[in-house]
PDB file of N, CA and C in Angstrom:
ATOM      1  N   TYR A   1      -7.090 -13.306 -11.897  1.00  0.00           N
ATOM      2  CA  TYR A   1      -8.480 -13.918 -11.403  1.00  0.00           C
ATOM      3  C   TYR A   1      -8.549 -14.958  -9.730  1.00  0.00           C
ATOM      4  N   ILE A   2      -9.494 -14.490  -9.646  1.00  0.00           N
ATOM      5  CA  ILE A   2      -9.489 -15.150  -8.312  1.00  0.00           C
ATOM      6  C   ILE A   2     -10.906 -15.706  -8.234  1.00  0.00           C
ATOM      7  N   HIS A   3     -10.570 -17.460  -7.264  1.00  0.00           N
ATOM      8  CA  HIS A   3     -11.624 -18.277  -7.152  1.00  0.00           C
ATOM      9  C   HIS A   3     -12.049 -18.473  -5.879  1.00  0.00           C
ATOM     10  N   GLY A   4     -13.172 -18.218  -5.293  1.00  0.00           N
ATOM     11  CA  GLY A   4     -13.762 -18.086  -4.657  1.00  0.00           C
ATOM     12  C   GLY A   4     -12.906 -17.081  -3.286  1.00  0.00           C
ATOM     13  N   SER A   5     -12.239 -17.838  -2.360  1.00  0.00           N
ATOM     14  CA  SER A   5     -11.407 -17.556  -1.331  1.00  0.00           C
ATOM     15  C   SER A   5      -9.606 -18.141  -1.295  1.00  0.00           C
ATOM     16  N   LYS A   6      -9.630 -18.975  -1.913  1.00  0.00           N
ATOM     17  CA  LYS A   6      -8.155 -19.600  -1.650  1.00  0.00           C
ATOM     18  C   LYS A   6      -7.398 -20.002  -2.939  1.00  0.00           C
ATOM     19  N   ILE A   7      -8.373 -19.362  -4.030  1.00  0.00           N
ATOM     20  CA  ILE A   7      -7.319 -20.089  -5.258  1.00  0.00           C
ATOM     21  C   ILE A   7      -7.358 -18.534  -6.007  1.00  0.00           C
ATOM     22  N   GLY A   8      -5.980 -17.985  -6.590  1.00  0.00           N
ATOM     23  CA  GLY A   8      -5.557 -16.706  -7.291  1.00  0.00           C
ATOM     24  C   GLY A   8      -4.943 -17.313  -8.720  1.00  0.00           C
ATOM     25  N   VAL A   9      -4.810 -17.452  -9.704  1.00  0.00           N
ATOM     26  CA  VAL A   9      -4.092 -17.221 -11.201  1.00  0.00           C
ATOM     27  C   VAL A   9      -4.228 -15.884 -12.155  1.00  0.00           C
ATOM     28  N   LEU A  10      -2.356 -15.637 -12.595  1.00  0.00           N
ATOM     29  CA  LEU A  10      -2.277 -14.737 -13.171  1.00  0.00           C
ATOM     30  C   LEU A  10      -1.910 -15.442 -14.458  1.00  0.00           C
ATOM     31  N   VAL A  11      -2.586 -14.441 -15.179  1.00  0.00           N
ATOM     32  CA  VAL A  11      -1.878 -15.011 -16.678  1.00  0.00           C
ATOM     33  C   VAL A  11      -1.421 -14.463 -17.568  1.00  0.00           C
ATOM     34  N   ASP A  12      -0.508 -14.469 -18.397  1.00  0.00           N
ATOM     35  CA  ASP A  12       0.138 -13.401 -19.442  1.00  0.00           C
ATOM     36  C   ASP A  12      -0.236 -14.493 -20.931  1.00  0.00           C
ATOM     37  N   VAL A  13      -1.569 -13.956 -21.516  1.00  0.00           N
ATOM     38  CA  VAL A  13      -1.928 -14.128 -22.579  1.00  0.00           C
ATOM     39  C   VAL A  13      -1.157 -13.162 -23.949  1.00  0.00           C
ATOM     40  N   VAL A  14      -0.418 -14.039 -25.183  1.00  0.00           N
ATOM     41  CA  VAL A  14      -0.151 -13.634 -26.015  1.00  0.00           C
ATOM     42  C   VAL A  14      -1.458 -13.585 -27.415  1.00  0.00           C
ATOM     43  N   GLY A  15      -1.911 -12.267 -27.556  1.00  0.00           N
ATOM     44  CA  GLY A  15      -3.146 -12.681 -28.277  1.00  0.00           C
ATOM     45  C   GLY A  15      -4.149 -12.565 -27.481  1.00  0.00           C
ATOM     46  N   GLY A  16      -5.505 -12.187 -27.900  1.00  0.00           N
ATOM     47  CA  GLY A  16      -6.873 -12.407 -27.366  1.00  0.00           C
ATOM     48  C   GLY A  16      -7.324 -11.584 -26.826  1.00  0.00           C
ATOM     49  N   ASP A  17      -7.834 -11.717 -25.653  1.00  0.00           N
ATOM     50  CA  ASP A  17      -8.342  -9.582 -24.925  1.00  0.00           C
ATOM     51  C   ASP A  17      -8.550 -10.542 -23.319  1.00  0.00           C
ATOM     52  N   ASP A  18      -9.327  -9.639 -22.876  1.00  0.00           N
ATOM     53  CA  ASP A  18      -9.582  -9.616 -21.339  1.00  0.00           C
ATOM     54  C   ASP A  18     -10.327 -10.839 -21.040  1.00  0.00           C
ATOM     55  N   ALA A  19     -11.206 -10.768 -21.999  1.00  0.00           N
ATOM     56  CA  ALA A  19     -12.047 -12.142 -21.387  1.00  0.00           C
ATOM     57  C   ALA A  19     -11.548 -13.825 -22.107  1.00  0.00           C
ATOM     58  N   LEU A  20     -10.818 -13.680 -22.914  1.00  0.00           N
ATOM     59  CA  LEU A  20     -10.212 -14.821 -22.977  1.00  0.00           C
ATOM     60  C   LEU A  20      -9.537 -15.388 -21.859  1.00  0.00           C
ATOM     61  N   ALA A  21      -8.082 -14.138 -21.419  1.00  0.00           N
ATOM     62  CA  ALA A  21      -7.660 -14.554 -20.260  1.00  0.00           C
ATOM     63  C   ALA A  21      -8.012 -14.723 -19.275  1.00  0.00           C
ATOM     64  N   LYS A  22      -9.292 -13.892 -19.079  1.00  0.00           N
ATOM     65  CA  LYS A  22     -10.005 -14.822 -17.542  1.00  0.00           C
ATOM     66  C   LYS A  22     -11.037 -15.971 -17.932  1.00  0.00           C
ATOM     67  N   ASP A  23     -11.338 -16.390 -18.977  1.00  0.00           N
ATOM     68  CA  ASP A  23     -11.310 -17.554 -19.537  1.00  0.00           C
ATOM     69  C   ASP A  23     -10.651 -18.855 -19.318  1.00  0.00           C
ATOM     70  N   ILE A  24      -9.457 -18.449 -19.429  1.00  0.00           N
ATOM     71  CA  ILE A  24      -7.921 -19.396 -19.451  1.00  0.00           C
ATOM     72  C   ILE A  24      -7.919 -19.814 -18.042  1.00  0.00           C
ATOM     73  N   ALA A  25      -7.938 -17.830 -17.641  1.00  0.00           N
ATOM     74  CA  ALA A  25      -7.089 -18.031 -15.975  1.00  0.00           C
ATOM     75  C   ALA A  25      -8.639 -18.909 -15.269  1.00  0.00           C
ATOM     76  N   MET A  26     -10.079 -19.285 -15.597  1.00  0.00           N
ATOM     77  CA  MET A  26     -10.754 -20.168 -15.122  1.00  0.00           C
ATOM     78  C   MET A  26     -10.244 -21.332 -15.034  1.00  0.00           C
ATOM     79  N   HIS A  27     -10.265 -21.856 -16.227  1.00  0.00           N
ATOM     80  CA  HIS A  27      -9.898 -23.333 -16.541  1.00  0.00           C
ATOM     81  C   HIS A  27      -8.861 -23.429 -15.643  1.00  0.00           C
ATOM     82  N   ILE A  28      -7.666 -22.466 -15.606  1.00  0.00           N
ATOM     83  CA  ILE A  28      -5.939 -23.169 -15.036  1.00  0.00           C
ATOM     84  C   ILE A  28      -6.824 -23.344 -12.987  1.00  0.00           C
ATOM     85  N   ALA A  29      -7.502 -22.648 -12.613  1.00  0.00           N
ATOM     86  CA  ALA A  29      -7.698 -22.575 -11.391  1.00  0.00           C
ATOM     87  C   ALA A  29      -8.635 -23.887 -11.250  1.00  0.00           C
ATOM     88  N   ALA A  30      -9.432 -24.365 -12.070  1.00  0.00           N
ATOM     89  CA  ALA A  30     -10.096 -25.112 -12.120  1.00  0.00           C
ATOM     90  C   ALA A  30      -9.409 -26.796 -12.463  1.00  0.00           C
ATOM     91  N   ALA A  31      -8.447 -26.773 -13.317  1.00  0.00           N
ATOM     92  CA  ALA A  31      -7.904 -28.071 -13.810  1.00  0.00           C
ATOM     93  C   ALA A  31      -6.676 -28.621 -13.511  1.00  0.00           C
ATOM     94  N   LYS A  32      -6.238 -26.664 -12.973  1.00  0.00           N
ATOM     95  CA  LYS A  32      -4.557 -27.458 -12.445  1.00  0.00           C
ATOM     96  C   LYS A  32      -3.458 -28.289 -12.995  1.00  0.00           C
ATOM     97  N   PRO A  33      -3.314 -27.123 -14.348  1.00  0.00           N
ATOM     98  CA  PRO A  33      -2.307 -27.969 -15.469  1.00  0.00           C
ATOM     99  C   PRO A  33      -1.007 -28.146 -15.051  1.00  0.00           C
ATOM    100  N   LYS A  34      -0.452 -29.088 -15.308  1.00  0.00           N
ATOM    101  CA  LYS A  34       0.803 -29.066 -15.156  1.00  0.00           C
ATOM    102  C   LYS A  34       1.834 -28.972 -16.601  1.00  0.00           C
ATOM    103  N   SER A  35       1.158 -28.323 -17.454  1.00  0.00           N
ATOM    104  CA  SER A  35       2.162 -27.805 -18.413  1.00  0.00           C
ATOM    105  C   SER A  35       1.329 -26.450 -19.153  1.00  0.00           C
ATOM    106  N   LEU A  36       2.795 -26.093 -19.412  1.00  0.00           N
ATOM    107  CA  LEU A  36       2.455 -24.906 -20.732  1.00  0.00           C
ATOM    108  C   LEU A  36       2.095 -25.040 -21.574  1.00  0.00           C
ATOM    109  N   ASP A  37       2.592 -25.778 -22.290  1.00  0.00           N
ATOM    110  CA  ASP A  37       2.684 -25.801 -23.337  1.00  0.00           C
ATOM    111  C   ASP A  37       2.722 -27.428 -24.533  1.00  0.00           C
ATOM    112  N   ALA A  38       2.024 -28.182 -25.121  1.00  0.00           N
ATOM    113  CA  ALA A  38       1.865 -29.417 -25.697  1.00  0.00           C
ATOM    114  C   ALA A  38       2.834 -30.238 -25.418  1.00  0.00           C
ATOM    115  N   SER A  39       4.282 -29.573 -25.163  1.00  0.00           N
ATOM    116  CA  SER A  39       4.987 -31.176 -25.188  1.00  0.00           C
ATOM    117  C   SER A  39       4.877 -32.063 -24.111  1.00  0.00           C
ATOM    118  N   GLY A  40       3.954 -31.611 -23.387  1.00  0.00           N
ATOM    119  CA  GLY A  40       3.913 -33.185 -21.907  1.00  0.00           C
ATOM    120  C   GLY A  40       2.299 -33.011 -22.089  1.00  0.00           C
ATOM    121  N   ILE A  41       1.796 -32.722 -23.473  1.00  0.00           N
ATOM    122  CA  ILE A  41       0.412 -33.514 -23.308  1.00  0.00           C
ATOM    123  C   ILE A  41       0.350 -34.158 -24.683  1.00  0.00           C
ATOM    124  N   ALA A  42      -0.639 -35.389 -24.373  1.00  0.00           N
ATOM    125  CA  ALA A  42      -0.929 -35.821 -25.560  1.00  0.00           C
ATOM    126  C   ALA A  42      -1.978 -35.309 -27.160  1.00  0.00           C
ATOM    127  N   PRO A  43      -1.130 -36.037 -27.660  1.00  0.00           N
ATOM    128  CA  PRO A  43      -1.839 -35.188 -29.378  1.00  0.00           C
ATOM    129  C   PRO A  43      -3.302 -35.406 -29.513  1.00  0.00           C
ATOM    130  N   GLU A  44      -3.193 -36.397 -28.812  1.00  0.00           N
ATOM    131  CA  GLU A  44      -5.170 -36.569 -28.914  1.00  0.00           C
ATOM    132  C   GLU A  44      -6.037 -35.536 -28.315  1.00  0.00           C
ATOM    133  N   LEU A  45      -5.416 -35.373 -26.996  1.00  0.00           N
ATOM    134  CA  LEU A  45      -6.154 -34.623 -26.330  1.00  0.00           C
ATOM    135  C   LEU A  45      -6.047 -32.879 -26.540  1.00  0.00           C
ATOM    136  N   ILE A  46      -5.561 -32.797 -27.146  1.00  0.00           N
ATOM    137  CA  ILE A  46      -4.849 -31.132 -27.819  1.00  0.00           C
ATOM    138  C   ILE A  46      -5.679 -31.263 -29.052  1.00  0.00           C
ATOM    139  N   GLU A  47      -5.864 -31.925 -29.800  1.00  0.00           N
ATOM    140  CA  GLU A  47      -7.211 -32.261 -30.780  1.00  0.00           C
ATOM    141  C   GLU A  47      -8.243 -32.261 -30.323  1.00  0.00           C
ATOM    142  N   ALA A  48      -8.295 -32.709 -29.035  1.00  0.00           N
ATOM    143  CA  ALA A  48     -10.188 -33.366 -28.375  1.00  0.00           C
ATOM    144  C   ALA A  48     -10.166 -31.003 -28.010  1.00  0.00           C
ATOM    145  N   GLU A  49      -9.712 -30.726 -28.112  1.00  0.00           N
ATOM    146  CA  GLU A  49      -9.801 -29.557 -27.063  1.00  0.00           C
ATOM    147  C   GLU A  49      -9.718 -28.669 -27.921  1.00  0.00           C
ATOM    148  N   ARG A  50      -9.144 -28.983 -29.251  1.00  0.00           N
ATOM    149  CA  ARG A  50      -9.364 -27.930 -30.809  1.00  0.00           C
ATOM    150  C   ARG A  50     -10.567 -27.891 -31.092  1.00  0.00           C
ATOM    151  N   ARG A  51     -11.151 -29.412 -31.003  1.00  0.00           N
ATOM    152  CA  ARG A  51     -12.445 -29.872 -32.067  1.00  0.00           C
ATOM    153  C   ARG A  51     -13.395 -28.791 -30.524  1.00  0.00           C
ATOM    154  N   VAL A  52     -13.579 -28.598 -29.357  1.00  0.00           N
ATOM    155  CA  VAL A  52     -14.438 -28.011 -28.434  1.00  0.00           C
ATOM    156  C   VAL A  52     -14.127 -26.642 -28.707  1.00  0.00           C
ATOM    157  N   ALA A  53     -13.185 -25.882 -28.583  1.00  0.00           N
ATOM    158  CA  ALA A  53     -12.847 -24.652 -29.077  1.00  0.00           C
ATOM    159  C   ALA A  53     -13.460 -23.970 -30.037  1.00  0.00           C
ATOM    160  N   ILE A  54     -13.681 -25.204 -31.405  1.00  0.00           N
ATOM    161  CA  ILE A  54     -14.093 -24.562 -33.101  1.00  0.00           C
ATOM    162  C   ILE A  54     -15.477 -24.894 -32.565  1.00  0.00           C
ATOM    163  N   GLU A  55     -16.098 -25.725 -31.808  1.00  0.00           N
ATOM    164  CA  GLU A  55     -17.573 -25.751 -31.752  1.00  0.00           C
ATOM    165  C   GLU A  55     -18.226 -24.770 -31.012  1.00  0.00           C
ATOM    166  N   LYS A  56     -17.409 -24.080 -29.620  1.00  0.00           N
ATOM    167  CA  LYS A  56     -17.880 -22.917 -28.945  1.00  0.00           C
ATOM    168  C   LYS A  56     -17.908 -21.993 -29.563  1.00  0.00           C
ATOM    169  N   ALA A  57     -16.922 -21.738 -30.692  1.00  0.00           N
ATOM    170  CA  ALA A  57     -16.900 -20.686 -31.528  1.00  0.00           C
ATOM    171  C   ALA A  57     -17.885 -20.685 -33.008  1.00  0.00           C
ATOM    172  N   LYS A  58     -18.468 -21.809 -33.079  1.00  0.00           N
ATOM    173  CA  LYS A  58     -19.996 -21.493 -33.994  1.00  0.00           C
ATOM    174  C   LYS A  58     -21.193 -21.785 -33.221  1.00  0.00           C
ATOM    175  N   GLU A  59     -20.777 -21.690 -31.831  1.00  0.00           N
ATOM    176  CA  GLU A  59     -22.318 -21.663 -31.249  1.00  0.00           C
ATOM    177  C   GLU A  59     -22.482 -20.217 -31.244  1.00  0.00           C
ATOM    178  N   ALA A  60     -20.941 -19.644 -30.833  1.00  0.00           N
ATOM    179  CA  ALA A  60     -21.622 -18.235 -30.956  1.00  0.00           C
ATOM    180  C   ALA A  60     -21.420 -17.088 -31.795  1.00  0.00           C
ATOM    181  N   GLY A  61     -22.074 -18.034 -32.936  1.00  0.00           N
ATOM    182  CA  GLY A  61     -22.412 -17.358 -34.153  1.00  0.00           C
ATOM    183  C   GLY A  61     -21.257 -17.202 -34.877  1.00  0.00           C
ATOM    184  N   LYS A  62     -19.457 -17.290 -34.682  1.00  0.00           N
ATOM    185  CA  LYS A  62     -18.527 -17.176 -35.221  1.00  0.00           C
ATOM    186  C   LYS A  62     -18.672 -17.870 -37.005  1.00  0.00           C
ATOM    187  N   PRO A  63     -17.972 -16.605 -37.532  1.00  0.00           N
ATOM    188  CA  PRO A  63     -18.166 -16.889 -39.266  1.00  0.00           C
ATOM    189  C   PRO A  63     -17.274 -18.264 -38.961  1.00  0.00           C
ATOM    190  N   GLU A  64     -17.580 -19.062 -40.417  1.00  0.00           N
ATOM    191  CA  GLU A  64     -17.113 -20.407 -40.775  1.00  0.00           C
ATOM    192  C   GLU A  64     -15.824 -20.193 -41.054  1.00  0.00           C
ATOM    193  N   ALA A  65     -15.500 -19.204 -41.747  1.00  0.00           N
ATOM    194  CA  ALA A  65     -14.060 -18.888 -42.162  1.00  0.00           C
ATOM    195  C   ALA A  65     -12.911 -18.603 -41.079  1.00  0.00           C
ATOM    196  N   MET A  66     -13.743 -18.377 -39.572  1.00  0.00           N
ATOM    197  CA  MET A  66     -12.654 -18.142 -39.099  1.00  0.00           C
ATOM    198  C   MET A  66     -12.556 -18.671 -37.808  1.00  0.00           C
ATOM    199  N   LEU A  67     -13.510 -19.922 -37.831  1.00  0.00           N
ATOM    200  CA  LEU A  67     -13.132 -20.786 -36.682  1.00  0.00           C
ATOM    201  C   LEU A  67     -11.692 -21.642 -36.660  1.00  0.00           C
ATOM    202  N   GLU A  68     -11.091 -22.087 -37.651  1.00  0.00           N
ATOM    203  CA  GLU A  68      -9.596 -22.268 -37.309  1.00  0.00           C
ATOM    204  C   GLU A  68      -8.677 -21.280 -36.781  1.00  0.00           C
ATOM    205  N   LYS A  69      -8.792 -20.401 -37.355  1.00  0.00           N
ATOM    206  CA  LYS A  69      -8.192 -18.989 -36.800  1.00  0.00           C
ATOM    207  C   LYS A  69      -8.242 -18.994 -35.460  1.00  0.00           C
ATOM    208  N   ILE A  70      -9.569 -19.208 -34.981  1.00  0.00           N
ATOM    209  CA  ILE A  70     -10.239 -18.542 -33.502  1.00  0.00           C
ATOM    210  C   ILE A  70      -9.269 -19.846 -32.911  1.00  0.00           C
ATOM    211  N   ALA A  71      -9.552 -20.830 -33.137  1.00  0.00           N
ATOM    212  CA  ALA A  71      -8.734 -22.519 -32.016  1.00  0.00           C
ATOM    213  C   ALA A  71      -7.123 -21.755 -32.113  1.00  0.00           C
ATOM    214  N   ASP A  72      -6.604 -21.135 -32.775  1.00  0.00           N
ATOM    215  CA  ASP A  72      -5.099 -20.987 -32.644  1.00  0.00           C
ATOM    216  C   ASP A  72      -4.831 -19.621 -32.301  1.00  0.00           C
ATOM    217  N   ASP A  73      -6.069 -18.260 -32.008  1.00  0.00           N
ATOM    218  CA  ASP A  73      -5.058 -17.437 -31.885  1.00  0.00           C
ATOM    219  C   ASP A  73      -4.790 -16.838 -31.166  1.00  0.00           C
ATOM    220  N   ALA A  74      -4.747 -17.479 -30.166  1.00  0.00           N
ATOM    221  CA  ALA A  74      -3.984 -17.032 -28.531  1.00  0.00           C
ATOM    222  C   ALA A  74      -2.956 -18.030 -28.073  1.00  0.00           C
ATOM    223  N   SER A  75      -1.736 -17.335 -26.903  1.00  0.00           N
ATOM    224  CA  SER A  75      -1.021 -18.884 -26.515  1.00  0.00           C
ATOM    225  C   SER A  75      -1.062 -17.639 -25.589  1.00  0.00           C
ATOM    226  N   VAL A  76      -0.407 -19.042 -24.256  1.00  0.00           N
ATOM    227  CA  VAL A  76      -0.677 -18.555 -22.773  1.00  0.00           C
ATOM    228  C   VAL A  76       0.984 -18.357 -22.323  1.00  0.00           C
ATOM    229  N   ALA A  77       1.562 -17.517 -22.410  1.00  0.00           N
ATOM    230  CA  ALA A  77       3.166 -17.193 -22.387  1.00  0.00           C
ATOM    231  C   ALA A  77       3.428 -17.215 -20.443  1.00  0.00           C
ATOM    232  N   SER A  78       2.822 -17.567 -19.808  1.00  0.00           N
ATOM    233  CA  SER A  78       3.706 -18.263 -18.889  1.00  0.00           C
ATOM    234  C   SER A  78       1.912 -17.707 -17.941  1.00  0.00           C
ATOM    235  N   PHE A  79       1.449 -18.728 -16.739  1.00  0.00           N
ATOM    236  CA  PHE A  79       0.844 -18.570 -15.782  1.00  0.00           C
ATOM    237  C   PHE A  79       1.335 -18.812 -14.448  1.00  0.00           C
ATOM    238  N   THR A  80       0.372 -18.569 -13.292  1.00  0.00           N
ATOM    239  CA  THR A  80       1.089 -19.075 -12.018  1.00  0.00           C
ATOM    240  C   THR A  80      -0.634 -18.988 -11.373  1.00  0.00           C
ATOM    241  N   MET A  81      -0.204 -20.042 -10.682  1.00  0.00           N
ATOM    242  CA  MET A  81      -1.659 -20.399  -9.759  1.00  0.00           C
ATOM    243  C   MET A  81      -1.052 -20.262  -8.235  1.00  0.00           C
ATOM    244  N   PHE A  82      -1.573 -19.472  -7.698  1.00  0.00           N
ATOM    245  CA  PHE A  82      -1.773 -19.357  -5.901  1.00  0.00           C
ATOM    246  C   PHE A  82      -2.943 -20.553  -5.163  1.00  0.00           C
ATOM    247  N   THR A  83      -2.548 -20.729  -4.206  1.00  0.00           N
ATOM    248  CA  THR A  83      -3.480 -21.565  -3.449  1.00  0.00           C
ATOM    249  C   THR A  83      -3.235 -21.295  -1.963  1.00  0.00           C
ATOM    250  N   VAL A  84      -4.168 -20.340  -1.288  1.00  0.00           N
ATOM    251  CA  VAL A  84      -3.966 -20.214   0.490  1.00  0.00           C
ATOM    252  C   VAL A  84      -3.247 -21.776   1.093  1.00  0.00           C
ATOM    253  N   GLY A  85      -2.488 -21.170   1.381  1.00  0.00           N
ATOM    254  CA  GLY A  85      -1.926 -22.562   2.235  1.00  0.00           C
ATOM    255  C   GLY A  85      -1.238 -23.748   2.172  1.00  0.00           C
ATOM    256  N   GLU A  86      -1.040 -23.238   0.758  1.00  0.00           N
ATOM    257  CA  GLU A  86      -0.040 -24.157   0.068  1.00  0.00           C
ATOM    258  C   GLU A  86       1.122 -24.373   0.037  1.00  0.00           C
ATOM    259  N   GLY A  87       2.115 -24.730   0.590  1.00  0.00           N
ATOM    260  CA  GLY A  87       3.377 -24.870   1.265  1.00  0.00           C
ATOM    261  C   GLY A  87       4.056 -24.391   2.146  1.00  0.00           C
ATOM    262  N   ILE A  88       2.480 -24.206   3.044  1.00  0.00           N
ATOM    263  CA  ILE A  88       2.863 -23.914   4.405  1.00  0.00           C
ATOM    264  C   ILE A  88       2.656 -25.105   5.180  1.00  0.00           C
ATOM    265  N   GLU A  89       3.672 -26.096   6.326  1.00  0.00           N
ATOM    266  CA  GLU A  89       3.266 -27.399   6.287  1.00  0.00           C
ATOM    267  C   GLU A  89       3.500 -26.913   7.802  1.00  0.00           C
ATOM    268  N   LYS A  90       2.596 -27.619   8.639  1.00  0.00           N
ATOM    269  CA  LYS A  90       1.915 -27.415   9.770  1.00  0.00           C
ATOM    270  C   LYS A  90       3.112 -28.119  10.467  1.00  0.00           C
ATOM    271  N   ALA A  91       3.933 -28.258  11.452  1.00  0.00           N
ATOM    272  CA  ALA A  91       5.032 -28.669  12.395  1.00  0.00           C
ATOM    273  C   ALA A  91       3.977 -29.993  13.289  1.00  0.00           C
ATOM    274  N   VAL A  92       4.439 -30.820  13.207  1.00  0.00           N
ATOM    275  CA  VAL A  92       4.137 -31.807  13.916  1.00  0.00           C
ATOM    276  C   VAL A  92       5.047 -31.534  15.118  1.00  0.00           C
ATOM    277  N   VAL A  93       4.431 -31.445  16.298  1.00  0.00           N
ATOM    278  CA  VAL A  93       4.910 -31.730  17.283  1.00  0.00           C
ATOM    279  C   VAL A  93       4.869 -32.561  18.625  1.00  0.00           C
ATOM    280  N   ASP A  94       5.588 -32.951  19.425  1.00  0.00           N
ATOM    281  CA  ASP A  94       5.326 -34.267  20.582  1.00  0.00           C
ATOM    282  C   ASP A  94       5.526 -33.502  21.417  1.00  0.00           C
ATOM    283  N   TYR A  95       4.855 -32.529  21.890  1.00  0.00           N
ATOM    284  CA  TYR A  95       4.874 -32.265  23.279  1.00  0.00           C
ATOM    285  C   TYR A  95       5.530 -32.913  24.524  1.00  0.00           C
ATOM    286  N   ALA A  96       4.598 -34.018  25.069  1.00  0.00           N
ATOM    287  CA  ALA A  96       5.521 -34.549  25.793  1.00  0.00           C
ATOM    288  C   ALA A  96       7.084 -34.816  25.537  1.00  0.00           C
ATOM    289  N   ALA A  97       6.973 -35.226  24.416  1.00  0.00           N
ATOM    290  CA  ALA A  97       8.615 -35.089  24.114  1.00  0.00           C
ATOM    291  C   ALA A  97       9.527 -33.750  24.730  1.00  0.00           C
ATOM    292  N   GLU A  98       9.030 -32.738  23.934  1.00  0.00           N
ATOM    293  CA  GLU A  98       9.502 -31.502  24.150  1.00  0.00           C
ATOM    294  C   GLU A  98       9.838 -31.296  25.925  1.00  0.00           C
ATOM    295  N   VAL A  99       8.895 -31.892  26.289  1.00  0.00           N
ATOM    296  CA  VAL A  99       8.907 -31.351  27.923  1.00  0.00           C
ATOM    297  C   VAL A  99       9.863 -32.309  28.681  1.00  0.00           C
ATOM    298  N   ALA A 100       9.629 -33.416  28.362  1.00  0.00           N
ATOM    299  CA  ALA A 100      10.688 -34.210  28.757  1.00  0.00           C
ATOM    300  C   ALA A 100      12.219 -34.345  28.762  1.00  0.00           C
ATOM    301  N   ALA A 101      12.404 -33.375  27.635  1.00  0.00           N
ATOM    302  CA  ALA A 101      13.659 -32.952  27.100  1.00  0.00           C
ATOM    303  C   ALA A 101      14.215 -31.537  27.815  1.00  0.00           C
ATOM    304  N   ALA A 102      13.353 -31.006  28.034  1.00  0.00           N
ATOM    305  CA  ALA A 102      13.187 -29.496  28.876  1.00  0.00           C
ATOM    306  C   ALA A 102      13.344 -29.994  29.807  1.00  0.00           C
ATOM    307  N   ALA A 103      12.497 -30.748  30.898  1.00  0.00           N
ATOM    308  CA  ALA A 103      12.682 -30.917  32.142  1.00  0.00           C
ATOM    309  C   ALA A 103      14.208 -32.159  32.633  1.00  0.00           C
ATOM    310  N   LYS A 104      14.915 -32.666  31.459  1.00  0.00           N
ATOM    311  CA  LYS A 104      16.225 -32.960  31.999  1.00  0.00           C
ATOM    312  C   LYS A 104      17.144 -31.842  31.601  1.00  0.00           C
ATOM    313  N   VAL A 105      17.256 -30.537  31.085  1.00  0.00           N
ATOM    314  CA  VAL A 105      18.006 -29.654  31.031  1.00  0.00           C
ATOM    315  C   VAL A 105      18.841 -29.321  32.296  1.00  0.00           C
TER     316      VAL A 105
END
């Protein structure tokens, strides 16, 4: 998924389809998550997101019997986010000091 011209996200989704993968990639680009799984996230936040997923499925007209399964349907095996310019630090150069040092040589 490419977001604008500066952010790209690659997602490896286990279960689910291309539409789900794109939706997850969009969320990764927007939220810039720090964790791949629940180990570093508060249980309350996980439950809140689960409720949101179930509510979205209800709004989409999914059968009541499938709602719990839909909330647990897929997992992300890995993701990588790329940001243009990230990791490239511009060197700070003191040109006056550089010229002075060169003049002494």
